[in-house]
Protein backbone atom coordinates (compact mmCIF):
# COMPACT_ATOMS: atom_id res chain seq x y z
CA MET A 1 0.68 -73.48 25.71
CA ARG A 2 3.71 -73.19 27.92
CA ASP A 3 4.08 -77.01 27.95
CA TRP A 4 4.12 -77.02 24.16
CA LEU A 5 6.85 -74.38 24.05
CA VAL A 6 8.94 -76.33 26.57
CA ALA A 7 8.47 -79.53 24.54
CA ILE A 8 9.47 -77.79 21.31
CA GLY A 9 12.48 -76.27 23.04
CA ILE A 10 13.60 -79.69 24.28
CA ILE A 11 13.18 -81.19 20.79
CA VAL A 12 15.24 -78.37 19.26
CA LEU A 13 17.99 -78.85 21.85
CA LEU A 14 18.06 -82.62 21.26
CA ALA A 15 18.21 -82.09 17.49
CA ARG A 16 21.13 -79.66 17.87
CA LEU A 17 22.89 -82.14 20.11
CA VAL A 18 22.47 -84.98 17.60
CA VAL A 19 23.60 -82.82 14.67
CA GLY A 20 26.57 -81.57 16.67
CA MET A 21 27.72 -85.07 17.66
CA ASP A 22 30.48 -85.01 15.04
CA ASP A 23 31.95 -81.96 16.71
CA LEU A 24 31.85 -83.70 20.09
CA SER A 25 33.43 -86.93 18.91
CA PRO A 26 37.16 -87.14 19.54
CA GLY A 27 39.31 -87.12 16.43
CA LEU A 28 42.38 -89.16 15.71
CA GLU A 29 45.79 -87.58 15.98
CA GLY A 30 49.30 -88.87 15.47
CA PHE A 31 51.84 -89.79 12.82
CA ALA A 32 50.31 -91.18 9.64
CA ARG A 33 51.41 -93.88 7.24
CA VAL A 34 50.32 -92.99 3.68
CA ALA A 35 48.83 -95.83 1.65
CA ASP A 36 47.99 -93.93 -1.54
CA GLY A 37 46.85 -90.48 -2.65
CA ASP A 38 43.60 -90.52 -0.69
CA SER A 39 44.10 -92.97 2.17
CA LEU A 40 46.32 -93.37 5.20
CA THR A 41 46.59 -95.17 8.50
CA LEU A 42 46.62 -93.27 11.77
CA ASN A 43 46.91 -95.01 15.14
CA GLY A 44 45.94 -98.30 13.51
CA GLU A 45 42.78 -96.80 11.96
CA ARG A 46 42.50 -96.94 8.17
CA ILE A 47 41.28 -93.59 6.85
CA ARG A 48 39.96 -92.49 3.46
CA LEU A 49 40.12 -88.76 2.81
CA HIS A 50 36.49 -87.67 2.47
CA GLY A 51 35.31 -85.85 -0.65
CA ILE A 52 38.25 -86.67 -2.92
CA ASP A 53 39.40 -89.49 -5.19
CA ALA A 54 43.05 -90.01 -6.17
CA PRO A 55 44.52 -92.42 -8.73
CA GLU A 56 45.02 -95.97 -7.56
CA LEU A 57 48.55 -96.91 -6.60
CA ASN A 58 49.19 -98.94 -9.76
CA GLN A 59 47.32 -96.58 -12.10
CA PHE A 60 49.16 -94.98 -15.01
CA CYS A 61 48.33 -91.68 -16.71
CA ARG A 62 49.71 -89.81 -19.70
CA ARG A 63 51.64 -86.58 -20.25
CA GLY A 64 51.98 -85.94 -23.95
CA GLU A 65 53.29 -89.17 -25.44
CA GLN A 66 54.72 -90.48 -22.16
CA SER A 67 52.94 -92.62 -19.61
CA TYR A 68 53.78 -92.14 -15.95
CA ASP A 69 52.92 -93.71 -12.63
CA CYS A 70 50.33 -91.16 -11.48
CA GLY A 71 49.14 -93.35 -8.61
CA ARG A 72 52.57 -93.32 -7.01
CA GLU A 73 53.00 -89.60 -7.72
CA ALA A 74 49.69 -88.88 -5.95
CA ARG A 75 50.90 -90.89 -2.96
CA GLU A 76 54.17 -88.92 -2.94
CA GLN A 77 52.24 -85.64 -3.00
CA LEU A 78 50.26 -86.69 0.09
CA ARG A 79 53.51 -87.72 1.79
CA LYS A 80 55.05 -84.31 0.99
CA LEU A 81 52.03 -82.49 2.37
CA ILE A 82 52.24 -84.44 5.62
CA GLY A 83 56.02 -84.34 5.90
CA SER A 84 57.09 -85.35 9.38
CA GLY A 85 54.20 -83.56 11.05
CA ARG A 86 51.37 -84.91 13.12
CA VAL A 87 48.05 -85.50 11.39
CA ALA A 88 44.63 -84.87 12.91
CA CYS A 89 41.57 -86.50 11.33
CA LYS A 90 37.91 -86.11 12.08
CA GLY A 91 35.02 -88.14 10.72
CA SER A 92 32.17 -90.38 11.75
CA GLU A 93 31.19 -92.47 8.71
CA LYS A 94 32.85 -95.59 7.33
CA ASP A 95 33.12 -96.58 3.69
CA GLN A 96 32.30 -99.99 2.23
CA TYR A 97 35.77 -101.24 3.16
CA GLY A 98 35.50 -100.21 6.80
CA ARG A 99 37.76 -97.16 6.45
CA LEU A 100 36.90 -94.01 8.35
CA LEU A 101 35.83 -91.23 5.98
CA ALA A 102 37.55 -88.16 7.40
CA VAL A 103 38.86 -84.69 6.85
CA CYS A 104 42.50 -84.58 7.88
CA GLU A 105 44.93 -81.78 8.47
CA THR A 106 48.52 -81.23 9.39
CA GLU A 107 50.10 -77.99 10.60
CA GLY A 108 47.07 -75.96 9.49
CA THR A 109 46.82 -77.54 6.02
CA GLU A 110 43.66 -79.48 5.21
CA LEU A 111 45.00 -82.49 3.31
CA ASN A 112 41.78 -83.28 1.42
CA LYS A 113 41.60 -79.78 -0.03
CA ALA A 114 45.35 -79.55 -0.69
CA MET A 115 45.35 -82.80 -2.69
CA VAL A 116 42.65 -81.45 -5.02
CA GLU A 117 44.29 -78.01 -5.23
CA SER A 118 47.59 -79.63 -6.24
CA GLY A 119 45.81 -81.57 -8.98
CA TRP A 120 46.72 -84.99 -7.56
CA ALA A 121 43.15 -85.86 -6.57
CA ILE A 122 39.79 -85.04 -8.08
CA ALA A 123 36.69 -83.76 -6.35
CA TYR A 124 34.41 -86.58 -5.27
CA GLY A 125 31.42 -84.70 -3.89
CA ASP A 126 33.39 -81.87 -2.32
CA TYR A 127 36.16 -79.46 -3.35
CA LEU A 128 34.72 -78.66 -6.80
CA VAL A 129 36.09 -75.11 -6.78
CA GLU A 130 39.58 -76.42 -6.01
CA GLU A 131 39.31 -78.94 -8.87
CA VAL A 132 38.32 -76.22 -11.35
CA LYS A 133 41.34 -74.14 -10.28
CA ALA A 134 43.74 -77.10 -10.58
CA ARG A 135 42.31 -78.07 -13.96
CA SER A 136 42.58 -74.55 -15.39
CA ALA A 137 46.15 -74.24 -14.08
CA ARG A 138 46.95 -77.72 -15.50
CA ARG A 139 48.42 -78.94 -12.20
CA GLY A 140 49.09 -82.57 -11.36
CA LEU A 141 46.82 -84.97 -13.22
CA TRP A 142 45.39 -82.13 -15.30
CA GLU A 143 48.77 -81.66 -17.00
CA GLY A 144 47.92 -84.63 -19.22
CA SER A 145 45.19 -87.21 -19.63
CA PHE A 146 43.95 -89.80 -17.18
CA ASP A 147 41.09 -92.08 -16.33
CA ARG A 148 39.02 -90.91 -13.40
CA PRO A 149 39.99 -93.25 -10.56
CA GLN A 150 36.48 -94.69 -10.20
CA ASP A 151 36.41 -95.48 -13.94
CA TRP A 152 39.85 -97.07 -13.75
CA ARG A 153 38.74 -99.22 -10.80
CA ALA A 154 35.66 -100.30 -12.75
CA GLY A 155 37.95 -101.72 -15.43
CA ASN A 156 37.16 -99.22 -18.14
CA ARG A 157 39.68 -98.59 -20.87
CA SER A 158 42.83 -96.88 -19.71
CA VAL A 159 44.29 -93.80 -21.40
CA LEU A 160 47.27 -96.03 -22.15
CA GLU A 161 45.07 -98.02 -24.52
CA GLU A 162 44.42 -94.85 -26.52
CA THR A 163 47.80 -95.09 -28.19
CA PRO A 164 47.67 -96.11 -31.84
CA GLN A 165 47.14 -99.84 -32.16
CA THR A 166 47.33 -102.21 -35.10
CA TRP A 167 44.35 -102.18 -37.49
CA PHE A 168 43.51 -105.72 -36.32
CA TYR A 169 43.24 -104.56 -32.70
CA ARG A 170 41.10 -101.55 -33.64
CA ILE A 171 38.64 -103.69 -35.64
CA GLY A 172 38.36 -106.18 -32.77
CA ALA A 173 37.76 -103.39 -30.26
CA PHE A 174 35.11 -101.84 -32.49
CA ILE A 175 33.29 -105.17 -32.91
CA GLY A 176 33.44 -105.74 -29.14
CA GLU A 177 31.89 -102.32 -28.47
CA VAL A 178 29.12 -102.90 -31.01
CA LEU A 179 28.31 -106.30 -29.53
CA SER A 180 28.23 -104.93 -26.01
CA VAL A 181 25.68 -102.30 -27.08
CA VAL A 182 23.55 -104.79 -29.01
CA PHE A 183 23.42 -107.38 -26.19
CA ARG A 184 22.76 -105.03 -23.23
């Protein structure tokens, strides 16, 4: 019986060690170069902020009747959050493009969370409470209308196409939608 208890104890210790590997792995730290609202480069390592999704750099959104460059504004928000401070990132997984998926912080501010709280990124698996707060306060992207970044990347219609078009364009778009449903 004692041998079984020792064996179980060893298995539990090994499991805790494996689960805690992320905490033991060294993080990256240094001065970051911001690529867009949810990715940066730190010490030559490309990093994607885990749990969030920000507009693509060339994505446009709408405030009232005006379109604006929300992708560049999201990038500027991440730059402001970082300022001239050092950034520390921690993660262990890579995305499909080879970027490290990480949680990053600077001077006590978690960048992933702050981007969603400011309304310049949406929750992508994490930070749902922060997204609800930003949406209800109409901060950042939530001040107007926008395509979710993953939809925009997939080539879905942009909010910019929602402006009134000629009757010829509307009929053609309607026929295209009907045909796409019929021939699925």
